[in-house]
């Protein structure tokens, strides 16, 4: 899936969650200094930034199907090998990388099993293959309160909870299916502060991702009802949101 939105809009929608998650994820994946690392679905570069601080910058590569995201990532990380393409057909040779990571991407892959198999293919034997996705099924994603508000107004909301990768055990199963060994799963959490309800609400009006897209399709009256319900679900004044992702890692087949 390619996001047909400006990188700035995506940053405003998800960046304040994806950036701290990238730090947690890169630490948990134990990227070694000097490792050659691939970021699958790199977007504007939240994980690229974390990886570039842990290995030599010119050892970082990325791929994304969104041209707007890639343009921003290339401006931010001119030293990285950034390419246009999809997870299901990675334009890299076998055994190219010491590690291949995918943050908040598996649930958007057209074929998640193929995507993880490709990640394992381009990773050297014994190298790390890892991915993480918000716990949508458990109601612990950054958007979970929004989904609850939207669902109270509109029936049949696509809240991402049924997408592959958004439940406990999904990513480990994909890694094992890709031939990885020593598979481990963990929960990675981040906390984000908001000064007001308006600061929290505004990114949902930008039409980004399934949340913003579905909101944009509503009538003005229904959007108002979603907003009112969300305000009821959140504290008045400043508040914080804790979001948790399921993460899994394994070793590429030897």
C-alpha atoms as a PDB file:
ATOM      1  CA  UNK A   1       0.000   0.000   0.000  1.00  0.00           C
ATOM      2  CA  UNK A   2       1.327   3.432  -0.932  1.00  0.00           C
ATOM      3  CA  UNK A   3       0.233   6.540   0.964  1.00  0.00           C
ATOM      4  CA  UNK A   4      -0.727   9.236  -1.528  1.00  0.00           C
ATOM      5  CA  UNK A   5      -0.192  12.097   0.922  1.00  0.00           C
ATOM      6  CA  UNK A   6       2.548  14.600   1.626  1.00  0.00           C
ATOM      7  CA  UNK A   7       5.308  13.427   3.943  1.00  0.00           C
ATOM      8  CA  UNK A   8       4.640  16.433   6.192  1.00  0.00           C
ATOM      9  CA  UNK A   9       1.052  15.291   6.695  1.00  0.00           C
ATOM     10  CA  UNK A  10       2.183  11.790   7.623  1.00  0.00           C
ATOM     11  CA  UNK A  11       4.751  13.205  10.040  1.00  0.00           C
ATOM     12  CA  UNK A  12       2.051  15.238  11.761  1.00  0.00           C
ATOM     13  CA  UNK A  13      -0.254  12.230  11.902  1.00  0.00           C
ATOM     14  CA  UNK A  14       2.149   9.508  13.062  1.00  0.00           C
ATOM     15  CA  UNK A  15       5.629  10.969  13.482  1.00  0.00           C
ATOM     16  CA  UNK A  16       5.357  11.819  17.156  1.00  0.00           C
ATOM     17  CA  UNK A  17       4.648   8.114  17.801  1.00  0.00           C
ATOM     18  CA  UNK A  18       6.807   6.498  15.107  1.00  0.00           C
ATOM     19  CA  UNK A  19       9.984   8.377  16.039  1.00  0.00           C
ATOM     20  CA  UNK A  20      10.169   7.188  19.676  1.00  0.00           C
ATOM     21  CA  UNK A  21       9.021   3.731  18.578  1.00  0.00           C
ATOM     22  CA  UNK A  22      11.908   3.638  16.089  1.00  0.00           C
ATOM     23  CA  UNK A  23      14.364   4.214  18.931  1.00  0.00           C
ATOM     24  CA  UNK A  24      12.840   1.371  20.946  1.00  0.00           C
ATOM     25  CA  UNK A  25      12.673  -0.926  17.923  1.00  0.00           C
ATOM     26  CA  UNK A  26      16.240  -0.316  16.754  1.00  0.00           C
ATOM     27  CA  UNK A  27      17.523  -0.895  20.290  1.00  0.00           C
ATOM     28  CA  UNK A  28      15.527  -4.115  20.626  1.00  0.00           C
ATOM     29  CA  UNK A  29      16.712  -5.362  17.222  1.00  0.00           C
ATOM     30  CA  UNK A  30      20.286  -4.908  18.547  1.00  0.00           C
ATOM     31  CA  UNK A  31      21.753  -3.295  15.436  1.00  0.00           C
ATOM     32  CA  UNK A  32      25.529  -3.662  15.630  1.00  0.00           C
ATOM     33  CA  UNK A  33      27.918  -0.805  14.772  1.00  0.00           C
ATOM     34  CA  UNK A  34      28.902  -1.061  11.121  1.00  0.00           C
ATOM     35  CA  UNK A  35      26.002  -3.343  10.212  1.00  0.00           C
ATOM     36  CA  UNK A  36      24.440  -3.046   6.750  1.00  0.00           C
ATOM     37  CA  UNK A  37      20.741  -2.486   7.444  1.00  0.00           C
ATOM     38  CA  UNK A  38      17.599  -2.285   5.308  1.00  0.00           C
ATOM     39  CA  UNK A  39      14.476  -0.334   6.328  1.00  0.00           C
ATOM     40  CA  UNK A  40      11.486  -1.824   4.492  1.00  0.00           C
ATOM     41  CA  UNK A  41       8.696   0.719   4.081  1.00  0.00           C
ATOM     42  CA  UNK A  42      10.968   3.520   5.245  1.00  0.00           C
ATOM     43  CA  UNK A  43       8.426   6.325   4.716  1.00  0.00           C
ATOM     44  CA  UNK A  44       9.787   9.805   5.499  1.00  0.00           C
ATOM     45  CA  UNK A  45      12.485   8.258   7.682  1.00  0.00           C
ATOM     46  CA  UNK A  46      11.609   7.709  11.353  1.00  0.00           C
ATOM     47  CA  UNK A  47      13.434   4.376  11.486  1.00  0.00           C
ATOM     48  CA  UNK A  48      16.138   5.526   9.071  1.00  0.00           C
ATOM     49  CA  UNK A  49      17.104   8.173  11.634  1.00  0.00           C
ATOM     50  CA  UNK A  50      17.367   5.612  14.421  1.00  0.00           C
ATOM     51  CA  UNK A  51      19.384   3.213  12.280  1.00  0.00           C
ATOM     52  CA  UNK A  52      21.737   5.941  11.041  1.00  0.00           C
ATOM     53  CA  UNK A  53      22.685   6.740  14.629  1.00  0.00           C
ATOM     54  CA  UNK A  54      23.543   3.087  15.346  1.00  0.00           C
ATOM     55  CA  UNK A  55      25.639   2.141  12.322  1.00  0.00           C
ATOM     56  CA  UNK A  56      27.641   3.909   9.640  1.00  0.00           C
ATOM     57  CA  UNK A  57      25.203   6.160   7.730  1.00  0.00           C
ATOM     58  CA  UNK A  58      26.331   4.808   4.347  1.00  0.00           C
ATOM     59  CA  UNK A  59      25.419   1.293   5.533  1.00  0.00           C
ATOM     60  CA  UNK A  60      21.718   2.191   5.700  1.00  0.00           C
ATOM     61  CA  UNK A  61      19.278   1.412   2.879  1.00  0.00           C
ATOM     62  CA  UNK A  62      15.540   1.824   2.514  1.00  0.00           C
ATOM     63  CA  UNK A  63      12.637   1.163   0.197  1.00  0.00           C
ATOM     64  CA  UNK A  64       9.130   2.605  -0.026  1.00  0.00           C
ATOM     65  CA  UNK A  65       6.292   2.642  -2.602  1.00  0.00           C
ATOM     66  CA  UNK A  66       5.467   6.314  -1.969  1.00  0.00           C
ATOM     67  CA  UNK A  67       7.376   8.806  -4.124  1.00  0.00           C
ATOM     68  CA  UNK A  68       6.497  11.720  -1.835  1.00  0.00           C
ATOM     69  CA  UNK A  69       7.833   9.876   1.205  1.00  0.00           C
ATOM     70  CA  UNK A  70      11.005   8.896  -0.643  1.00  0.00           C
ATOM     71  CA  UNK A  71      11.655  12.484  -1.758  1.00  0.00           C
ATOM     72  CA  UNK A  72      11.550  13.615   1.864  1.00  0.00           C
ATOM     73  CA  UNK A  73      13.678  10.709   3.067  1.00  0.00           C
ATOM     74  CA  UNK A  74      16.302  11.383   0.386  1.00  0.00           C
ATOM     75  CA  UNK A  75      16.505  15.026   1.444  1.00  0.00           C
ATOM     76  CA  UNK A  76      16.900  14.015   5.084  1.00  0.00           C
ATOM     77  CA  UNK A  77      19.322  11.107   4.509  1.00  0.00           C
ATOM     78  CA  UNK A  78      21.294  11.831   1.315  1.00  0.00           C
ATOM     79  CA  UNK A  79      23.899   9.216   2.226  1.00  0.00           C
ATOM     80  CA  UNK A  80      21.408   6.319   2.347  1.00  0.00           C
ATOM     81  CA  UNK A  81      20.608   3.945  -0.533  1.00  0.00           C
ATOM     82  CA  UNK A  82      16.882   4.688  -0.889  1.00  0.00           C
ATOM     83  CA  UNK A  83      14.838   3.014  -3.619  1.00  0.00           C
ATOM     84  CA  UNK A  84      11.280   2.998  -4.890  1.00  0.00           C
ATOM     85  CA  UNK A  85       9.557  -0.374  -4.665  1.00  0.00           C
ATOM     86  CA  UNK A  86       7.525  -2.795  -2.579  1.00  0.00           C
ATOM     87  CA  UNK A  87       8.314  -5.244   0.203  1.00  0.00           C
ATOM     88  CA  UNK A  88       7.046  -8.130  -1.902  1.00  0.00           C
ATOM     89  CA  UNK A  89       9.752  -7.607  -4.559  1.00  0.00           C
ATOM     90  CA  UNK A  90      12.834  -6.083  -2.925  1.00  0.00           C
ATOM     91  CA  UNK A  91      15.351  -4.781  -5.503  1.00  0.00           C
ATOM     92  CA  UNK A  92      18.379  -6.172  -3.663  1.00  0.00           C
ATOM     93  CA  UNK A  93      20.502  -9.295  -4.092  1.00  0.00           C
ATOM     94  CA  UNK A  94      20.389 -12.274  -1.745  1.00  0.00           C
ATOM     95  CA  UNK A  95      22.346 -11.963   1.518  1.00  0.00           C
ATOM     96  CA  UNK A  96      22.984  -8.218   1.078  1.00  0.00           C
ATOM     97  CA  UNK A  97      22.177  -7.038   4.604  1.00  0.00           C
ATOM     98  CA  UNK A  98      23.097  -7.881   8.175  1.00  0.00           C
ATOM     99  CA  UNK A  99      19.565  -6.918   9.223  1.00  0.00           C
ATOM    100  CA  UNK A 100      16.235  -6.078   7.578  1.00  0.00           C
ATOM    101  CA  UNK A 101      13.613  -4.208   9.608  1.00  0.00           C
ATOM    102  CA  UNK A 102      10.026  -3.143   8.926  1.00  0.00           C
ATOM    103  CA  UNK A 103       8.325  -0.680  11.272  1.00  0.00           C
ATOM    104  CA  UNK A 104       4.530  -0.156  11.027  1.00  0.00           C
ATOM    105  CA  UNK A 105       4.510  -1.726   7.561  1.00  0.00           C
ATOM    106  CA  UNK A 106       3.554  -5.414   7.725  1.00  0.00           C
ATOM    107  CA  UNK A 107      -0.182  -4.673   8.063  1.00  0.00           C
ATOM    108  CA  UNK A 108      -0.034  -2.573   4.880  1.00  0.00           C
ATOM    109  CA  UNK A 109       1.763  -5.184   2.774  1.00  0.00           C
ATOM    110  CA  UNK A 110      -0.301  -6.644  -0.060  1.00  0.00           C
ATOM    111  CA  UNK A 111       1.166 -10.063   0.785  1.00  0.00           C
ATOM    112  CA  UNK A 112       2.760 -10.085   4.235  1.00  0.00           C
ATOM    113  CA  UNK A 113       4.125 -13.615   3.892  1.00  0.00           C
ATOM    114  CA  UNK A 114       5.876 -12.678   0.648  1.00  0.00           C
ATOM    115  CA  UNK A 115       7.171  -9.452   2.208  1.00  0.00           C
ATOM    116  CA  UNK A 116       8.762 -11.204   5.172  1.00  0.00           C
ATOM    117  CA  UNK A 117      10.187 -13.897   2.897  1.00  0.00           C
ATOM    118  CA  UNK A 118      11.807 -11.191   0.792  1.00  0.00           C
ATOM    119  CA  UNK A 119      13.262  -9.584   3.918  1.00  0.00           C
ATOM    120  CA  UNK A 120      14.748 -12.940   4.907  1.00  0.00           C
ATOM    121  CA  UNK A 121      16.108 -13.469   1.373  1.00  0.00           C
ATOM    122  CA  UNK A 122      18.100 -10.229   1.319  1.00  0.00           C
ATOM    123  CA  UNK A 123      19.467 -10.820   4.844  1.00  0.00           C
ATOM    124  CA  UNK A 124      22.676 -12.804   5.250  1.00  0.00           C
ATOM    125  CA  UNK A 125      22.434 -16.224   6.965  1.00  0.00           C
ATOM    126  CA  UNK A 126      22.139 -15.652  10.708  1.00  0.00           C
ATOM    127  CA  UNK A 127      21.294 -11.974  10.251  1.00  0.00           C
ATOM    128  CA  UNK A 128      18.326 -10.304  11.906  1.00  0.00           C
ATOM    129  CA  UNK A 129      14.870  -9.991  10.365  1.00  0.00           C
ATOM    130  CA  UNK A 130      12.483  -7.932  12.502  1.00  0.00           C
ATOM    131  CA  UNK A 131       9.149  -6.131  12.267  1.00  0.00           C
ATOM    132  CA  UNK A 132       6.672  -4.323  14.478  1.00  0.00           C
ATOM    133  CA  UNK A 133       3.043  -3.213  14.191  1.00  0.00           C
ATOM    134  CA  UNK A 134       0.774  -1.370  16.606  1.00  0.00           C
ATOM    135  CA  UNK A 135      -1.480  -3.587  18.720  1.00  0.00           C
ATOM    136  CA  UNK A 136      -4.675  -2.647  16.902  1.00  0.00           C
ATOM    137  CA  UNK A 137      -6.404  -5.885  17.877  1.00  0.00           C
ATOM    138  CA  UNK A 138      -5.745  -5.188  21.553  1.00  0.00           C
ATOM    139  CA  UNK A 139      -6.872  -1.573  21.364  1.00  0.00           C
ATOM    140  CA  UNK A 140      -3.428  -0.191  22.209  1.00  0.00           C
ATOM    141  CA  UNK A 141      -2.578   1.675  19.007  1.00  0.00           C
ATOM    142  CA  UNK A 142      -2.233   5.474  18.874  1.00  0.00           C
ATOM    143  CA  UNK A 143      -5.491   5.541  16.883  1.00  0.00           C
ATOM    144  CA  UNK A 144      -7.506   3.257  19.173  1.00  0.00           C
ATOM    145  CA  UNK A 145      -9.488   6.064  20.821  1.00  0.00           C
ATOM    146  CA  UNK A 146     -10.209   7.530  17.402  1.00  0.00           C
ATOM    147  CA  UNK A 147     -11.418   4.147  16.143  1.00  0.00           C
ATOM    148  CA  UNK A 148     -13.755   3.885  19.113  1.00  0.00           C
ATOM    149  CA  UNK A 149     -15.191   7.331  18.409  1.00  0.00           C
ATOM    150  CA  UNK A 150     -15.558   6.644  14.690  1.00  0.00           C
ATOM    151  CA  UNK A 151     -17.204   3.293  15.336  1.00  0.00           C
ATOM    152  CA  UNK A 152     -19.827   4.910  17.555  1.00  0.00           C
ATOM    153  CA  UNK A 153     -20.970   7.025  14.597  1.00  0.00           C
ATOM    154  CA  UNK A 154     -20.313   4.811  11.568  1.00  0.00           C
ATOM    155  CA  UNK A 155     -20.955   1.031  11.373  1.00  0.00           C
ATOM    156  CA  UNK A 156     -18.416  -1.279   9.779  1.00  0.00           C
ATOM    157  CA  UNK A 157     -15.309   0.783  10.448  1.00  0.00           C
ATOM    158  CA  UNK A 158     -12.044  -0.663   9.074  1.00  0.00           C
ATOM    159  CA  UNK A 159     -10.033  -0.171  12.254  1.00  0.00           C
ATOM    160  CA  UNK A 160      -6.929  -2.124  11.151  1.00  0.00           C
ATOM    161  CA  UNK A 161      -7.498  -4.715  13.882  1.00  0.00           C
ATOM    162  CA  UNK A 162      -8.033  -7.533  11.391  1.00  0.00           C
ATOM    163  CA  UNK A 163      -4.938  -6.788   9.324  1.00  0.00           C
ATOM    164  CA  UNK A 164      -2.062  -9.259   9.406  1.00  0.00           C
ATOM    165  CA  UNK A 165       0.511  -8.174  11.970  1.00  0.00           C
ATOM    166  CA  UNK A 166      -1.814  -6.299  14.315  1.00  0.00           C
ATOM    167  CA  UNK A 167      -2.360  -9.186  16.762  1.00  0.00           C
ATOM    168  CA  UNK A 168      -0.098 -11.065  19.152  1.00  0.00           C
ATOM    169  CA  UNK A 169       1.654 -13.914  17.373  1.00  0.00           C
ATOM    170  CA  UNK A 170       1.096 -12.656  13.828  1.00  0.00           C
ATOM    171  CA  UNK A 171       4.622 -11.484  13.082  1.00  0.00           C
ATOM    172  CA  UNK A 172       6.360 -14.489  14.715  1.00  0.00           C
ATOM    173  CA  UNK A 173       4.276 -16.779  12.502  1.00  0.00           C
ATOM    174  CA  UNK A 174       5.321 -14.809   9.420  1.00  0.00           C
ATOM    175  CA  UNK A 175       8.988 -14.975  10.395  1.00  0.00           C
ATOM    176  CA  UNK A 176       8.841 -18.724  10.935  1.00  0.00           C
ATOM    177  CA  UNK A 177       7.076 -19.075   7.599  1.00  0.00           C
ATOM    178  CA  UNK A 178       9.962 -17.157   6.026  1.00  0.00           C
ATOM    179  CA  UNK A 179      12.397 -19.729   7.407  1.00  0.00           C
ATOM    180  CA  UNK A 180      13.723 -17.677  10.322  1.00  0.00           C
ATOM    181  CA  UNK A 181      14.911 -19.377  13.504  1.00  0.00           C
ATOM    182  CA  UNK A 182      15.166 -18.228  17.112  1.00  0.00           C
ATOM    183  CA  UNK A 183      12.037 -16.117  16.748  1.00  0.00           C
ATOM    184  CA  UNK A 184      11.198 -13.878  19.709  1.00  0.00           C
ATOM    185  CA  UNK A 185       8.256 -11.550  20.336  1.00  0.00           C
ATOM    186  CA  UNK A 186       8.076  -8.448  22.545  1.00  0.00           C
ATOM    187  CA  UNK A 187       5.854  -5.475  23.319  1.00  0.00           C
ATOM    188  CA  UNK A 188       7.303  -2.018  22.682  1.00  0.00           C
ATOM    189  CA  UNK A 189       5.538   0.987  24.234  1.00  0.00           C
ATOM    190  CA  UNK A 190       5.857   4.733  23.803  1.00  0.00           C
ATOM    191  CA  UNK A 191       4.222   7.642  25.626  1.00  0.00           C
ATOM    192  CA  UNK A 192       3.271  10.855  23.805  1.00  0.00           C
ATOM    193  CA  UNK A 193       2.047  14.037  25.492  1.00  0.00           C
ATOM    194  CA  UNK A 194      -0.663  16.299  24.059  1.00  0.00           C
ATOM    195  CA  UNK A 195      -1.288  19.833  25.270  1.00  0.00           C
ATOM    196  CA  UNK A 196      -4.950  19.774  24.241  1.00  0.00           C
ATOM    197  CA  UNK A 197      -7.677  17.864  22.460  1.00  0.00           C
ATOM    198  CA  UNK A 198      -7.219  20.063  19.375  1.00  0.00           C
ATOM    199  CA  UNK A 199      -3.570  19.060  19.117  1.00  0.00           C
ATOM    200  CA  UNK A 200      -4.628  15.399  19.160  1.00  0.00           C
ATOM    201  CA  UNK A 201      -7.569  15.827  16.749  1.00  0.00           C
ATOM    202  CA  UNK A 202      -6.029  17.960  13.998  1.00  0.00           C
ATOM    203  CA  UNK A 203      -3.828  15.219  12.442  1.00  0.00           C
ATOM    204  CA  UNK A 204      -6.908  13.067  11.825  1.00  0.00           C
ATOM    205  CA  UNK A 205      -8.295  15.783   9.546  1.00  0.00           C
ATOM    206  CA  UNK A 206      -5.361  15.482   7.126  1.00  0.00           C
ATOM    207  CA  UNK A 207      -6.682  12.413   5.306  1.00  0.00           C
ATOM    208  CA  UNK A 208      -3.740  10.210   6.242  1.00  0.00           C
ATOM    209  CA  UNK A 209      -3.922   6.402   6.524  1.00  0.00           C
ATOM    210  CA  UNK A 210      -7.161   4.451   7.048  1.00  0.00           C
ATOM    211  CA  UNK A 211      -8.182   6.701   9.955  1.00  0.00           C
ATOM    212  CA  UNK A 212      -7.915   9.995   8.110  1.00  0.00           C
ATOM    213  CA  UNK A 213      -9.263   8.549   4.870  1.00  0.00           C
ATOM    214  CA  UNK A 214     -12.423   7.232   6.505  1.00  0.00           C
ATOM    215  CA  UNK A 215     -12.995  10.464   8.405  1.00  0.00           C
ATOM    216  CA  UNK A 216     -12.650  12.474   5.190  1.00  0.00           C
ATOM    217  CA  UNK A 217     -15.371  10.398   3.528  1.00  0.00           C
ATOM    218  CA  UNK A 218     -17.992  11.367   6.141  1.00  0.00           C
ATOM    219  CA  UNK A 219     -20.427  14.230   5.935  1.00  0.00           C
ATOM    220  CA  UNK A 220     -19.546  17.371   7.867  1.00  0.00           C
ATOM    221  CA  UNK A 221     -22.239  16.510  10.415  1.00  0.00           C
ATOM    222  CA  UNK A 222     -20.887  13.005  10.997  1.00  0.00           C
ATOM    223  CA  UNK A 223     -17.332  14.310  11.291  1.00  0.00           C
ATOM    224  CA  UNK A 224     -18.621  16.638  13.980  1.00  0.00           C
ATOM    225  CA  UNK A 225     -20.201  13.714  15.822  1.00  0.00           C
ATOM    226  CA  UNK A 226     -16.959  11.749  15.710  1.00  0.00           C
ATOM    227  CA  UNK A 227     -15.111  14.749  17.075  1.00  0.00           C
ATOM    228  CA  UNK A 228     -17.614  15.184  19.913  1.00  0.00           C
ATOM    229  CA  UNK A 229     -17.386  11.508  20.866  1.00  0.00           C
ATOM    230  CA  UNK A 230     -13.590  11.577  20.822  1.00  0.00           C
ATOM    231  CA  UNK A 231     -13.614  14.627  23.098  1.00  0.00           C
ATOM    232  CA  UNK A 232     -15.807  12.685  25.534  1.00  0.00           C
ATOM    233  CA  UNK A 233     -13.338   9.787  25.566  1.00  0.00           C
ATOM    234  CA  UNK A 234     -10.274  11.931  26.283  1.00  0.00           C
ATOM    235  CA  UNK A 235      -9.435  14.037  29.356  1.00  0.00           C
ATOM    236  CA  UNK A 236      -9.903  17.787  29.241  1.00  0.00           C
ATOM    237  CA  UNK A 237      -6.688  19.793  29.235  1.00  0.00           C
ATOM    238  CA  UNK A 238      -3.304  18.151  28.736  1.00  0.00           C
ATOM    239  CA  UNK A 239      -3.076  14.351  28.540  1.00  0.00           C
ATOM    240  CA  UNK A 240      -0.847  11.564  27.322  1.00  0.00           C
ATOM    241  CA  UNK A 241      -1.366   8.563  25.077  1.00  0.00           C
ATOM    242  CA  UNK A 242       0.482   5.296  25.633  1.00  0.00           C
ATOM    243  CA  UNK A 243       0.756   3.169  22.492  1.00  0.00           C
ATOM    244  CA  UNK A 244       2.074  -0.391  22.278  1.00  0.00           C
ATOM    245  CA  UNK A 245       3.355  -2.366  19.309  1.00  0.00           C
ATOM    246  CA  UNK A 246       3.934  -6.068  18.838  1.00  0.00           C
ATOM    247  CA  UNK A 247       7.506  -6.675  17.688  1.00  0.00           C
ATOM    248  CA  UNK A 248       9.202  -9.877  16.590  1.00  0.00           C
ATOM    249  CA  UNK A 249      12.693 -10.775  15.409  1.00  0.00           C
ATOM    250  CA  UNK A 250      14.394 -13.891  14.099  1.00  0.00           C
ATOM    251  CA  UNK A 251      17.542 -15.063  12.370  1.00  0.00           C
ATOM    252  CA  UNK A 252      17.619 -15.581   8.626  1.00  0.00           C
ATOM    253  CA  UNK A 253      18.127 -19.197   7.586  1.00  0.00           C
ATOM    254  CA  UNK A 254      21.696 -20.426   7.556  1.00  0.00           C
END
